[in-house]
Amino acid sequence: MPRKPEKPIRKTIGKGGNYRKTESGAGMTKKGVAAYRKANPGSKLKTAVTGEVKKGSKAAKRRKSYCARSAGQLRNSSAKTKNDPNSRIRQARRRWKC
């Protein structure tokens, strides 16, 4: 029976630390996105839209889409996560300016 490939561990520090710490807004780093795209050719993964964007631009549409998706994730999370202002989902939403 073929072995299942192991899921990479989401580390924030050290070798393979491709994710931001919660305090710095959660989500993936530029280095992490580059590593993911290298491992998955054809991927269109991008980093967060954090700056000012022109209304109706592609970046604004990406932000709106992410905010809508993450609102669903937040709604379906545990009560502890929903109410914790420092949870990863809340910090990521704050970074995306949702």
C-alpha atoms as a PDB file:
ATOM      1  CA  MET A   1       0.000   0.000   0.000  1.00  0.00           C
ATOM      2  CA  PRO A   2       1.503   3.392  -0.967  1.00  0.00           C
ATOM      3  CA  ARG A   3       2.463   5.684   1.863  1.00  0.00           C
ATOM      4  CA  LYS A   4       0.615   8.977   2.268  1.00  0.00           C
ATOM      5  CA  PRO A   5       2.844  12.031   1.885  1.00  0.00           C
ATOM      6  CA  GLU A   6       3.378  13.782   5.173  1.00  0.00           C
ATOM      7  CA  LYS A   7       1.722  17.135   5.683  1.00  0.00           C
ATOM      8  CA  PRO A   8       4.292  19.890   6.245  1.00  0.00           C
ATOM      9  CA  ILE A   9       4.362  21.306   9.749  1.00  0.00           C
ATOM     10  CA  ARG A  10       3.364  24.977   9.857  1.00  0.00           C
ATOM     11  CA  LYS A  11       6.308  26.528  11.659  1.00  0.00           C
ATOM     12  CA  THR A  12       6.775  30.200  12.419  1.00  0.00           C
ATOM     13  CA  ILE A  13      10.481  30.122  13.328  1.00  0.00           C
ATOM     14  CA  GLY A  14      13.595  28.227  12.268  1.00  0.00           C
ATOM     15  CA  LYS A  15      14.128  26.223   9.097  1.00  0.00           C
ATOM     16  CA  GLY A  16      10.887  25.975   7.149  1.00  0.00           C
ATOM     17  CA  GLY A  17       9.355  28.850   9.117  1.00  0.00           C
ATOM     18  CA  ASN A  18       7.083  30.064   6.350  1.00  0.00           C
ATOM     19  CA  TYR A  19       4.275  31.425   8.481  1.00  0.00           C
ATOM     20  CA  ARG A  20       3.987  34.670  10.418  1.00  0.00           C
ATOM     21  CA  LYS A  21       3.623  34.586  14.163  1.00  0.00           C
ATOM     22  CA  THR A  22       0.175  35.523  15.398  1.00  0.00           C
ATOM     23  CA  GLU A  23       1.462  38.811  16.814  1.00  0.00           C
ATOM     24  CA  SER A  24       2.702  39.876  13.374  1.00  0.00           C
ATOM     25  CA  GLY A  25      -0.588  39.177  11.614  1.00  0.00           C
ATOM     26  CA  ALA A  26      -0.577  35.394  10.975  1.00  0.00           C
ATOM     27  CA  GLY A  27      -0.645  34.138   7.360  1.00  0.00           C
ATOM     28  CA  MET A  28       2.290  33.202   5.127  1.00  0.00           C
ATOM     29  CA  THR A  29       5.508  35.122   4.590  1.00  0.00           C
ATOM     30  CA  LYS A  30       6.890  36.072   1.151  1.00  0.00           C
ATOM     31  CA  LYS A  31       9.491  33.347   1.594  1.00  0.00           C
ATOM     32  CA  GLY A  32       6.734  30.870   2.452  1.00  0.00           C
ATOM     33  CA  VAL A  33       4.706  31.753  -0.630  1.00  0.00           C
ATOM     34  CA  ALA A  34       7.828  31.365  -2.806  1.00  0.00           C
ATOM     35  CA  ALA A  35       8.546  27.943  -1.256  1.00  0.00           C
ATOM     36  CA  TYR A  36       4.943  26.833  -1.791  1.00  0.00           C
ATOM     37  CA  ARG A  37       4.952  27.945  -5.424  1.00  0.00           C
ATOM     38  CA  LYS A  38       8.251  26.137  -6.011  1.00  0.00           C
ATOM     39  CA  ALA A  39       6.821  22.931  -4.539  1.00  0.00           C
ATOM     40  CA  ASN A  40       3.532  23.328  -6.459  1.00  0.00           C
ATOM     41  CA  PRO A  41       4.241  24.467 -10.037  1.00  0.00           C
ATOM     42  CA  GLY A  42       1.342  26.352 -11.588  1.00  0.00           C
ATOM     43  CA  SER A  43       0.148  27.679  -8.233  1.00  0.00           C
ATOM     44  CA  LYS A  44      -1.157  31.238  -8.135  1.00  0.00           C
ATOM     45  CA  LEU A  45      -0.780  31.728  -4.381  1.00  0.00           C
ATOM     46  CA  LYS A  46      -0.029  35.331  -3.405  1.00  0.00           C
ATOM     47  CA  THR A  47       0.704  37.186  -0.181  1.00  0.00           C
ATOM     48  CA  ALA A  48      -1.865  39.281   1.675  1.00  0.00           C
ATOM     49  CA  VAL A  49      -3.199  42.575   0.317  1.00  0.00           C
ATOM     50  CA  THR A  50      -2.113  44.896   3.106  1.00  0.00           C
ATOM     51  CA  GLY A  51      -1.611  48.329   1.562  1.00  0.00           C
ATOM     52  CA  GLU A  52      -3.946  50.967   0.198  1.00  0.00           C
ATOM     53  CA  VAL A  53      -5.788  49.780  -2.901  1.00  0.00           C
ATOM     54  CA  LYS A  54      -7.742  51.515  -5.601  1.00  0.00           C
ATOM     55  CA  LYS A  55     -11.462  50.774  -5.432  1.00  0.00           C
ATOM     56  CA  GLY A  56     -12.434  48.101  -7.959  1.00  0.00           C
ATOM     57  CA  SER A  57      -8.821  47.012  -8.630  1.00  0.00           C
ATOM     58  CA  LYS A  58      -7.758  43.354  -8.707  1.00  0.00           C
ATOM     59  CA  ALA A  59      -6.175  43.742  -5.283  1.00  0.00           C
ATOM     60  CA  ALA A  60      -9.372  45.254  -3.866  1.00  0.00           C
ATOM     61  CA  LYS A  61     -11.372  42.336  -5.257  1.00  0.00           C
ATOM     62  CA  ARG A  62      -8.909  39.822  -3.742  1.00  0.00           C
ATOM     63  CA  ARG A  63      -9.238  41.549  -0.376  1.00  0.00           C
ATOM     64  CA  LYS A  64     -13.034  41.562  -0.553  1.00  0.00           C
ATOM     65  CA  SER A  65     -13.041  37.875  -1.479  1.00  0.00           C
ATOM     66  CA  TYR A  66     -10.644  36.936   1.339  1.00  0.00           C
ATOM     67  CA  CYS A  67     -12.645  38.937   3.863  1.00  0.00           C
ATOM     68  CA  ALA A  68     -15.835  37.151   2.840  1.00  0.00           C
ATOM     69  CA  ARG A  69     -14.209  33.702   3.075  1.00  0.00           C
ATOM     70  CA  SER A  70     -12.501  34.403   6.373  1.00  0.00           C
ATOM     71  CA  ALA A  71     -15.728  35.745   7.878  1.00  0.00           C
ATOM     72  CA  GLY A  72     -17.172  32.278   7.268  1.00  0.00           C
ATOM     73  CA  GLN A  73     -14.132  30.647   8.885  1.00  0.00           C
ATOM     74  CA  LEU A  74     -14.503  32.914  11.892  1.00  0.00           C
ATOM     75  CA  ARG A  75     -18.218  32.211  12.146  1.00  0.00           C
ATOM     76  CA  ASN A  76     -17.599  28.427  12.078  1.00  0.00           C
ATOM     77  CA  SER A  77     -14.747  28.451  14.598  1.00  0.00           C
ATOM     78  CA  SER A  78     -14.962  27.641  18.294  1.00  0.00           C
ATOM     79  CA  ALA A  79     -16.308  30.145  20.809  1.00  0.00           C
ATOM     80  CA  LYS A  80     -12.812  30.478  22.266  1.00  0.00           C
ATOM     81  CA  THR A  81     -11.380  31.469  18.849  1.00  0.00           C
ATOM     82  CA  LYS A  82     -14.299  33.780  18.013  1.00  0.00           C
ATOM     83  CA  ASN A  83     -13.856  35.767  21.202  1.00  0.00           C
ATOM     84  CA  ASP A  84     -10.046  35.835  21.297  1.00  0.00           C
ATOM     85  CA  PRO A  85      -8.745  39.068  19.706  1.00  0.00           C
ATOM     86  CA  ASN A  86      -5.334  37.416  19.262  1.00  0.00           C
ATOM     87  CA  SER A  87      -6.499  34.268  17.461  1.00  0.00           C
ATOM     88  CA  ARG A  88      -4.788  33.539  14.129  1.00  0.00           C
ATOM     89  CA  ILE A  89      -7.942  34.160  12.074  1.00  0.00           C
ATOM     90  CA  ARG A  90      -8.633  37.516  13.757  1.00  0.00           C
ATOM     91  CA  GLN A  91      -5.013  38.628  13.367  1.00  0.00           C
ATOM     92  CA  ALA A  92      -4.996  37.614   9.692  1.00  0.00           C
ATOM     93  CA  ARG A  93      -8.239  39.512   9.086  1.00  0.00           C
ATOM     94  CA  ARG A  94      -6.742  42.553  10.796  1.00  0.00           C
ATOM     95  CA  ARG A  95      -3.658  42.308   8.558  1.00  0.00           C
ATOM     96  CA  TRP A  96      -5.858  42.126   5.440  1.00  0.00           C
ATOM     97  CA  LYS A  97      -7.835  45.116   6.800  1.00  0.00           C
ATOM     98  CA  CYS A  98     -11.163  43.288   6.899  1.00  0.00           C
END
